[in-house]
Amino acid sequence: MTTSPSPRSARQRTVLGSALAAALLLSGCGAEVASDDKAEAPEKVTVKRCGEPVEYTVPERAVAYEGGSADKLFSLGLADHVYGYVMPPANPPVEESPWADDYAEVKMLSDDLLNKEVVVEAKSDLVVAGWNSGFKDERGITPEILDKLGIQSFMHSESCFNYPEHPEKLTPFEALYTDLERLGKIFRVEDKADEVVGGLKKRVEAVKAKAPQGDPLPVFLYDSGTDQPFTAGNQVPPNDIIRTAGGRNVFDGLDERWTQVNWEAVAEAEPDVIMILDYGDLPAEKKIDFLKKSPHTKGLPAVKKNNFFILDYNEGVSGPRNIDGLEKFAQYLSELQD
């Protein structure tokens, strides 16, 4: 792991000493000495944390909560700035990640929910998580609490629309791009962030160009729940995945993130496709088996036609793998309509 840099004052003395030495050598020859315009990057930059402008120093011991957070950092080439990650059971194995090598280079800090103790013990200088997922008042770990401890924090923009006092509302894909750009600024890798975001946008546009025309197929995302289903509103990535690929989330009218509905509403929507969010402690196969047997759902068009699409957990939560999920779902819809 990268160790903490030398104190800034020591670096300044080194730069100043070198500049003075060069000036003395050149002045003896009658040369003009230009000032060094290539000064160090500013010690602090101001970046929004949801809707709140916050000053950041470059982190060296970042802690990421769940795969989406770690993936964002790793996609920007920041493994050397990551101390470790917290990965609860819902997340698929990190070995399945496109950045598996980066995961192997940093520490697995916990397989439980994010908490203040694990962050403090890690001597972290940045925690990356979502609001009401990683950060939560009830668990005693919020940006405000970490501020008081001198620990920086960064929240997924996708989770910010109901953040107290500093809300921010972006569509899920725009939120993904925004996070990468903001993290690029915090870590001083803006060019890399521009490159990554540009690549993701090109892939999205390629899917849009091939999306089927006409009335979009109604799609129901099933996360979990037997008495009442848990699904996706319009504030989470699956909504953008479904819409961009040419479908329609039957609950896209809900200005929510992950939310509970009732089976009557699902039946009324008559989905032609059911997207299953697949995660470790509740695999997709069990969910599909339930939907095929439940009196609430066994008569749905999607169930009768066996139209189930499995979306990996890390393709459904905010992160670069959202675009992998988009491309897979677009291909699925294309084959379905052939």
Protein backbone atom coordinates (compact mmCIF):
# COMPACT_ATOMS: atom_id res chain seq x y z
CA MET A 1 0.00 0.00 0.00
CA THR A 2 1.06 3.58 -0.55
CA THR A 3 2.23 5.22 2.64
CA SER A 4 1.26 8.73 3.67
CA PRO A 5 3.25 11.43 1.87
CA SER A 6 5.84 13.54 3.61
CA PRO A 7 4.49 16.68 5.28
CA ARG A 8 3.77 19.45 2.85
CA SER A 9 6.12 21.84 4.64
CA ALA A 10 9.04 19.49 3.99
CA ARG A 11 8.16 19.31 0.30
CA GLN A 12 7.94 23.07 0.14
CA ARG A 13 11.40 23.44 1.70
CA THR A 14 12.83 21.02 -0.88
CA VAL A 15 11.25 22.87 -3.80
CA LEU A 16 12.28 26.25 -2.41
CA GLY A 17 15.85 25.09 -1.82
CA SER A 18 16.16 23.74 -5.36
CA ALA A 19 14.76 26.92 -6.85
CA LEU A 20 17.18 29.11 -4.88
CA ALA A 21 20.14 26.99 -5.88
CA ALA A 22 19.19 27.21 -9.54
CA ALA A 23 18.74 30.96 -9.25
CA LEU A 24 22.19 31.43 -7.76
CA LEU A 25 23.82 29.36 -10.49
CA LEU A 26 22.00 31.11 -13.32
CA SER A 27 22.36 34.67 -11.95
CA GLY A 28 26.14 34.38 -12.16
CA CYS A 29 25.80 33.93 -15.92
CA GLY A 30 23.53 36.94 -16.35
CA ALA A 31 20.52 34.71 -17.19
CA GLU A 32 16.96 35.67 -16.32
CA VAL A 33 15.31 33.29 -13.89
CA ALA A 34 11.62 32.63 -14.46
CA SER A 35 9.45 31.72 -11.47
CA ASP A 36 8.37 28.10 -11.19
CA ASP A 37 4.80 28.09 -12.51
CA LYS A 38 4.53 24.32 -12.04
CA ALA A 39 3.56 24.63 -8.41
CA GLU A 40 2.14 21.75 -6.51
CA ALA A 41 -1.55 20.98 -6.86
CA PRO A 42 -3.58 22.87 -4.26
CA GLU A 43 -3.65 21.14 -0.90
CA LYS A 44 -7.45 21.31 -0.87
CA VAL A 45 -10.12 21.29 -3.56
CA THR A 46 -13.82 22.01 -3.15
CA VAL A 47 -16.12 19.28 -4.43
CA LYS A 48 -19.81 18.71 -3.79
CA ARG A 49 -20.87 16.00 -1.35
CA CYS A 50 -24.46 15.67 -2.48
CA GLY A 51 -25.48 19.35 -2.60
CA GLU A 52 -22.92 20.53 -0.04
CA PRO A 53 -19.59 22.06 -1.13
CA VAL A 54 -16.82 20.34 0.87
CA GLU A 55 -13.05 20.82 0.92
CA TYR A 56 -10.97 17.68 0.29
CA THR A 57 -7.31 16.81 0.57
CA VAL A 58 -5.97 13.91 -1.51
CA PRO A 59 -6.88 10.70 0.36
CA GLU A 60 -4.28 7.99 0.89
CA ARG A 61 -6.28 5.49 3.00
CA ALA A 62 -9.73 5.40 1.41
CA VAL A 63 -12.31 2.87 2.59
CA ALA A 64 -15.02 1.77 0.15
CA TYR A 65 -18.38 0.34 1.16
CA GLU A 66 -19.70 -2.29 -1.26
CA GLY A 67 -18.66 -3.04 -4.79
CA GLY A 68 -20.03 0.08 -6.45
CA SER A 69 -17.84 2.35 -4.33
CA ALA A 70 -14.70 0.29 -4.81
CA ASP A 71 -15.35 -0.10 -8.53
CA LYS A 72 -15.57 3.66 -8.99
CA LEU A 73 -12.20 4.11 -7.31
CA PHE A 74 -10.54 1.21 -9.11
CA SER A 75 -11.88 2.28 -12.51
CA LEU A 76 -9.99 5.56 -12.01
CA GLY A 77 -6.75 3.71 -11.27
CA LEU A 78 -6.80 4.63 -7.57
CA ALA A 79 -5.97 1.27 -5.97
CA ASP A 80 -2.84 2.76 -4.39
CA HIS A 81 -5.05 5.25 -2.55
CA VAL A 82 -7.45 2.60 -1.22
CA TYR A 83 -6.71 1.02 2.15
CA GLY A 84 -9.57 -1.45 2.16
CA TYR A 85 -13.23 -2.25 1.64
CA VAL A 86 -16.30 -3.35 3.59
CA MET A 87 -18.36 -5.95 1.72
CA PRO A 88 -21.59 -7.29 3.25
CA PRO A 89 -22.98 -10.69 2.16
CA ALA A 90 -25.32 -9.30 -0.51
CA ASN A 91 -22.35 -8.50 -2.72
CA PRO A 92 -21.12 -11.14 -5.17
CA PRO A 93 -17.53 -12.38 -4.72
CA VAL A 94 -14.95 -9.70 -5.53
CA GLU A 95 -13.13 -12.26 -7.67
CA GLU A 96 -15.92 -11.77 -10.22
CA SER A 97 -15.16 -8.07 -10.56
CA PRO A 98 -13.39 -6.62 -13.61
CA TRP A 99 -11.05 -5.11 -11.01
CA ALA A 100 -10.38 -8.36 -9.14
CA ASP A 101 -6.63 -7.70 -9.18
CA ASP A 102 -7.17 -4.36 -7.42
CA TYR A 103 -9.38 -5.94 -4.79
CA ALA A 104 -6.61 -8.46 -4.14
CA GLU A 105 -4.15 -5.64 -3.43
CA VAL A 106 -6.20 -4.00 -0.67
CA LYS A 107 -7.67 -5.20 2.62
CA MET A 108 -11.03 -6.79 3.24
CA LEU A 109 -11.97 -4.92 6.43
CA SER A 110 -15.37 -6.42 7.19
CA ASP A 111 -18.13 -8.57 5.73
CA ASP A 112 -20.75 -6.70 7.73
CA LEU A 113 -22.48 -3.33 7.38
CA LEU A 114 -20.41 -0.16 7.45
CA ASN A 115 -19.74 1.19 10.93
CA LYS A 116 -17.68 3.93 12.55
CA GLU A 117 -15.40 1.53 14.43
CA VAL A 118 -14.01 -0.21 11.34
CA VAL A 119 -13.32 3.16 9.69
CA VAL A 120 -11.54 4.57 12.73
CA GLU A 121 -9.51 1.39 13.21
CA ALA A 122 -8.40 1.58 9.57
CA LYS A 123 -7.21 5.17 10.13
CA SER A 124 -9.14 6.03 7.02
CA ASP A 125 -8.98 9.50 5.50
CA LEU A 126 -11.95 9.00 3.14
CA VAL A 127 -15.06 6.82 3.26
CA VAL A 128 -17.04 6.26 0.05
CA ALA A 129 -20.63 5.01 0.43
CA GLY A 130 -24.25 5.87 -0.25
CA TRP A 131 -26.72 7.75 1.93
CA ASN A 132 -29.08 5.48 3.88
CA SER A 133 -27.08 2.46 2.79
CA GLY A 134 -23.51 2.81 4.03
CA PHE A 135 -24.06 6.07 5.86
CA LYS A 136 -27.01 5.93 8.23
CA ASP A 137 -28.07 7.83 11.35
CA GLU A 138 -29.32 4.68 13.02
CA ARG A 139 -25.91 3.02 12.80
CA GLY A 140 -24.02 6.08 14.00
CA ILE A 141 -22.00 6.70 10.87
CA THR A 142 -22.85 9.79 8.85
CA PRO A 143 -20.76 12.39 7.01
CA GLU A 144 -21.42 14.82 9.85
CA ILE A 145 -20.11 12.37 12.45
CA LEU A 146 -17.02 11.62 10.35
CA ASP A 147 -16.40 15.35 9.82
CA LYS A 148 -16.09 15.72 13.59
CA LEU A 149 -13.54 12.91 13.62
CA GLY A 150 -11.50 14.51 10.85
CA ILE A 151 -12.40 11.76 8.36
CA GLN A 152 -13.49 12.82 4.87
CA SER A 153 -16.54 11.25 3.25
CA PHE A 154 -18.02 11.00 -0.24
CA MET A 155 -21.57 9.96 -1.09
CA HIS A 156 -22.94 8.45 -4.27
CA SER A 157 -24.90 11.19 -6.01
CA GLU A 158 -27.58 8.64 -6.89
CA SER A 159 -28.39 8.40 -3.19
CA CYS A 160 -28.55 12.15 -2.56
CA PHE A 161 -32.08 13.10 -3.56
CA ASN A 162 -33.33 12.84 0.03
CA TYR A 163 -30.11 13.69 1.88
CA PRO A 164 -31.06 16.01 4.78
CA GLU A 165 -30.35 19.72 4.21
CA HIS A 166 -28.21 19.13 1.10
CA PRO A 167 -30.26 17.07 -1.36
CA GLU A 168 -29.24 16.63 -4.98
CA LYS A 169 -31.28 14.96 -7.70
CA LEU A 170 -29.71 13.48 -10.81
CA THR A 171 -30.77 10.66 -13.09
CA PRO A 172 -28.88 7.47 -12.13
CA PHE A 173 -26.49 7.43 -15.10
CA GLU A 174 -25.79 11.15 -14.74
CA ALA A 175 -25.12 10.49 -11.07
CA LEU A 176 -22.58 7.81 -12.01
CA TYR A 177 -20.75 10.18 -14.36
CA THR A 178 -20.85 12.93 -11.75
CA ASP A 179 -19.33 10.69 -9.08
CA LEU A 180 -16.46 9.68 -11.32
CA GLU A 181 -15.77 13.31 -12.23
CA ARG A 182 -15.91 14.43 -8.60
CA LEU A 183 -13.67 11.60 -7.42
CA GLY A 184 -11.30 12.50 -10.24
CA LYS A 185 -11.10 16.03 -8.89
CA ILE A 186 -10.62 14.89 -5.28
CA PHE A 187 -7.77 12.56 -6.22
CA ARG A 188 -6.36 14.94 -8.87
CA VAL A 189 -6.93 12.47 -11.74
CA GLU A 190 -9.36 14.59 -13.76
CA ASP A 191 -7.98 13.44 -17.12
CA LYS A 192 -8.49 9.78 -16.20
CA ALA A 193 -12.01 10.53 -15.01
CA ASP A 194 -12.81 12.28 -18.30
CA GLU A 195 -11.50 9.26 -20.18
CA VAL A 196 -13.54 6.78 -18.15
CA VAL A 197 -16.74 8.83 -18.31
CA GLY A 198 -16.30 9.37 -22.03
CA GLY A 199 -15.99 5.63 -22.57
CA LEU A 200 -19.11 4.88 -20.55
CA LYS A 201 -21.12 7.52 -22.40
CA LYS A 202 -20.10 6.09 -25.78
CA ARG A 203 -21.30 2.65 -24.72
CA VAL A 204 -24.63 4.09 -23.56
CA GLU A 205 -25.10 5.94 -26.85
CA ALA A 206 -24.35 2.74 -28.77
CA VAL A 207 -27.16 0.98 -26.90
CA LYS A 208 -29.56 3.87 -27.49
CA ALA A 209 -28.86 3.76 -31.22
CA LYS A 210 -29.98 0.13 -31.41
CA ALA A 211 -32.90 0.30 -28.97
CA PRO A 212 -36.20 -1.00 -30.36
CA GLN A 213 -38.71 1.57 -31.53
CA GLY A 214 -42.39 1.63 -30.68
CA ASP A 215 -44.10 0.92 -27.39
CA PRO A 216 -41.51 -0.15 -24.81
CA LEU A 217 -42.02 -3.50 -23.09
CA PRO A 218 -43.21 -3.14 -19.47
CA VAL A 219 -40.55 -4.44 -17.07
CA PHE A 220 -40.89 -5.18 -13.36
CA LEU A 221 -37.74 -5.30 -11.25
CA TYR A 222 -38.03 -7.79 -8.42
CA ASP A 223 -35.57 -7.27 -5.60
CA SER A 224 -37.17 -9.27 -2.79
CA GLY A 225 -40.26 -9.65 -0.62
CA THR A 226 -43.10 -12.16 -0.45
CA ASP A 227 -45.91 -10.35 1.37
CA GLN A 228 -45.02 -7.14 -0.48
CA PRO A 229 -42.42 -6.79 -3.22
CA PHE A 230 -39.38 -4.55 -3.01
CA THR A 231 -38.62 -2.90 -6.34
CA ALA A 232 -36.87 -0.02 -8.12
CA GLY A 233 -38.26 3.49 -8.41
CA ASN A 234 -36.85 6.05 -10.85
CA GLN A 235 -33.89 7.07 -8.67
CA VAL A 236 -31.79 3.91 -9.03
CA PRO A 237 -29.71 2.53 -11.93
CA PRO A 238 -32.12 -0.23 -13.07
CA ASN A 239 -34.59 2.47 -14.12
CA ASP A 240 -32.02 3.96 -16.52
CA ILE A 241 -30.93 0.49 -17.64
CA ILE A 242 -34.49 -0.49 -18.54
CA ARG A 243 -35.34 2.83 -20.19
CA THR A 244 -32.12 3.15 -22.21
CA ALA A 245 -32.37 -0.41 -23.49
CA GLY A 246 -35.88 0.26 -24.82
CA GLY A 247 -38.09 -1.02 -21.99
CA ARG A 248 -40.24 0.73 -19.38
CA ASN A 249 -39.93 0.25 -15.65
CA VAL A 250 -43.55 -0.26 -14.55
CA PHE A 251 -42.75 1.77 -11.42
CA ASP A 252 -40.85 4.57 -13.10
CA GLY A 253 -43.48 6.98 -11.81
CA LEU A 254 -42.27 6.46 -8.23
CA ASP A 255 -39.86 9.20 -7.21
CA GLU A 256 -38.00 6.77 -4.97
CA ARG A 257 -34.90 4.64 -4.86
CA TRP A 258 -35.53 1.06 -3.66
CA THR A 259 -39.10 0.93 -2.44
CA GLN A 260 -41.95 -1.32 -1.40
CA VAL A 261 -45.12 -1.69 -3.47
CA ASN A 262 -47.97 -4.22 -3.45
CA TRP A 263 -48.70 -7.23 -5.62
CA GLU A 264 -51.95 -5.71 -6.89
CA ALA A 265 -49.98 -2.89 -8.51
CA VAL A 266 -47.62 -5.41 -10.10
CA ALA A 267 -50.55 -7.41 -11.49
CA GLU A 268 -52.18 -4.28 -12.91
CA ALA A 269 -48.94 -3.36 -14.69
CA GLU A 270 -48.86 -6.73 -16.52
CA PRO A 271 -45.08 -6.82 -17.04
CA ASP A 272 -43.79 -8.69 -20.06
CA VAL A 273 -40.33 -9.02 -18.49
CA ILE A 274 -39.24 -9.45 -14.89
CA MET A 275 -35.75 -8.27 -14.03
CA ILE A 276 -34.38 -10.15 -11.03
CA LEU A 277 -31.76 -8.42 -8.88
CA ASP A 278 -29.34 -11.19 -7.97
CA TYR A 279 -27.30 -11.02 -4.79
CA GLY A 280 -25.41 -13.37 -2.53
CA ASP A 281 -27.79 -13.97 0.36
CA LEU A 282 -30.91 -14.28 -1.83
CA PRO A 283 -30.03 -15.85 -5.19
CA ALA A 284 -32.09 -15.27 -8.32
CA GLU A 285 -33.14 -18.91 -8.69
CA LYS A 286 -35.08 -18.82 -5.42
CA LYS A 287 -36.82 -15.61 -6.43
CA ILE A 288 -37.85 -17.04 -9.80
CA ASP A 289 -39.15 -20.19 -8.13
CA PHE A 290 -41.27 -18.05 -5.79
CA LEU A 291 -42.68 -15.97 -8.64
CA LYS A 292 -43.66 -19.09 -10.56
CA LYS A 293 -45.56 -20.52 -7.58
CA SER A 294 -47.05 -17.43 -5.93
CA PRO A 295 -50.76 -16.84 -6.65
CA HIS A 296 -49.90 -13.13 -6.95
CA THR A 297 -47.50 -13.61 -9.85
CA LYS A 298 -47.83 -16.99 -11.56
CA GLY A 299 -50.35 -15.54 -14.01
CA LEU A 300 -48.25 -12.56 -15.05
CA PRO A 301 -47.32 -12.42 -18.77
CA ALA A 302 -43.60 -12.42 -17.93
CA VAL A 303 -43.94 -15.52 -15.74
CA LYS A 304 -46.06 -17.42 -18.27
CA LYS A 305 -43.50 -16.65 -20.98
CA ASN A 306 -40.56 -17.36 -18.67
CA ASN A 307 -39.19 -13.91 -19.44
CA PHE A 308 -36.73 -13.46 -16.58
CA PHE A 309 -33.59 -11.38 -16.85
CA ILE A 310 -31.01 -11.66 -14.08
CA LEU A 311 -29.23 -8.43 -13.16
CA ASP A 312 -26.11 -8.83 -11.05
CA TYR A 313 -26.12 -6.86 -7.79
CA ASN A 314 -23.18 -4.68 -8.83
CA GLU A 315 -24.83 -3.96 -12.16
CA GLY A 316 -27.88 -2.67 -10.28
CA VAL A 317 -26.24 -0.41 -7.68
CA SER A 318 -24.40 2.76 -8.69
CA GLY A 319 -21.06 1.92 -10.29
CA PRO A 320 -19.32 1.42 -13.64
CA ARG A 321 -20.83 -2.04 -13.98
CA ASN A 322 -24.23 -0.40 -14.55
CA ILE A 323 -23.22 -0.11 -18.18
CA ASP A 324 -22.36 -3.82 -18.34
CA GLY A 325 -25.87 -4.52 -17.09
CA LEU A 326 -27.31 -2.13 -19.67
CA GLU A 327 -25.54 -3.86 -22.56
CA LYS A 328 -26.64 -7.30 -21.36
CA PHE A 329 -30.25 -6.24 -20.93
CA ALA A 330 -30.30 -4.54 -24.32
CA GLN A 331 -29.07 -7.76 -25.88
CA TYR A 332 -31.73 -9.72 -23.99
CA LEU A 333 -34.53 -7.43 -25.26
CA SER A 334 -33.16 -7.66 -28.79
CA GLU A 335 -33.24 -11.46 -28.71
CA LEU A 336 -36.68 -11.44 -27.08
CA GLN A 337 -38.15 -9.36 -29.88
CA ASP A 338 -36.49 -11.17 -32.77
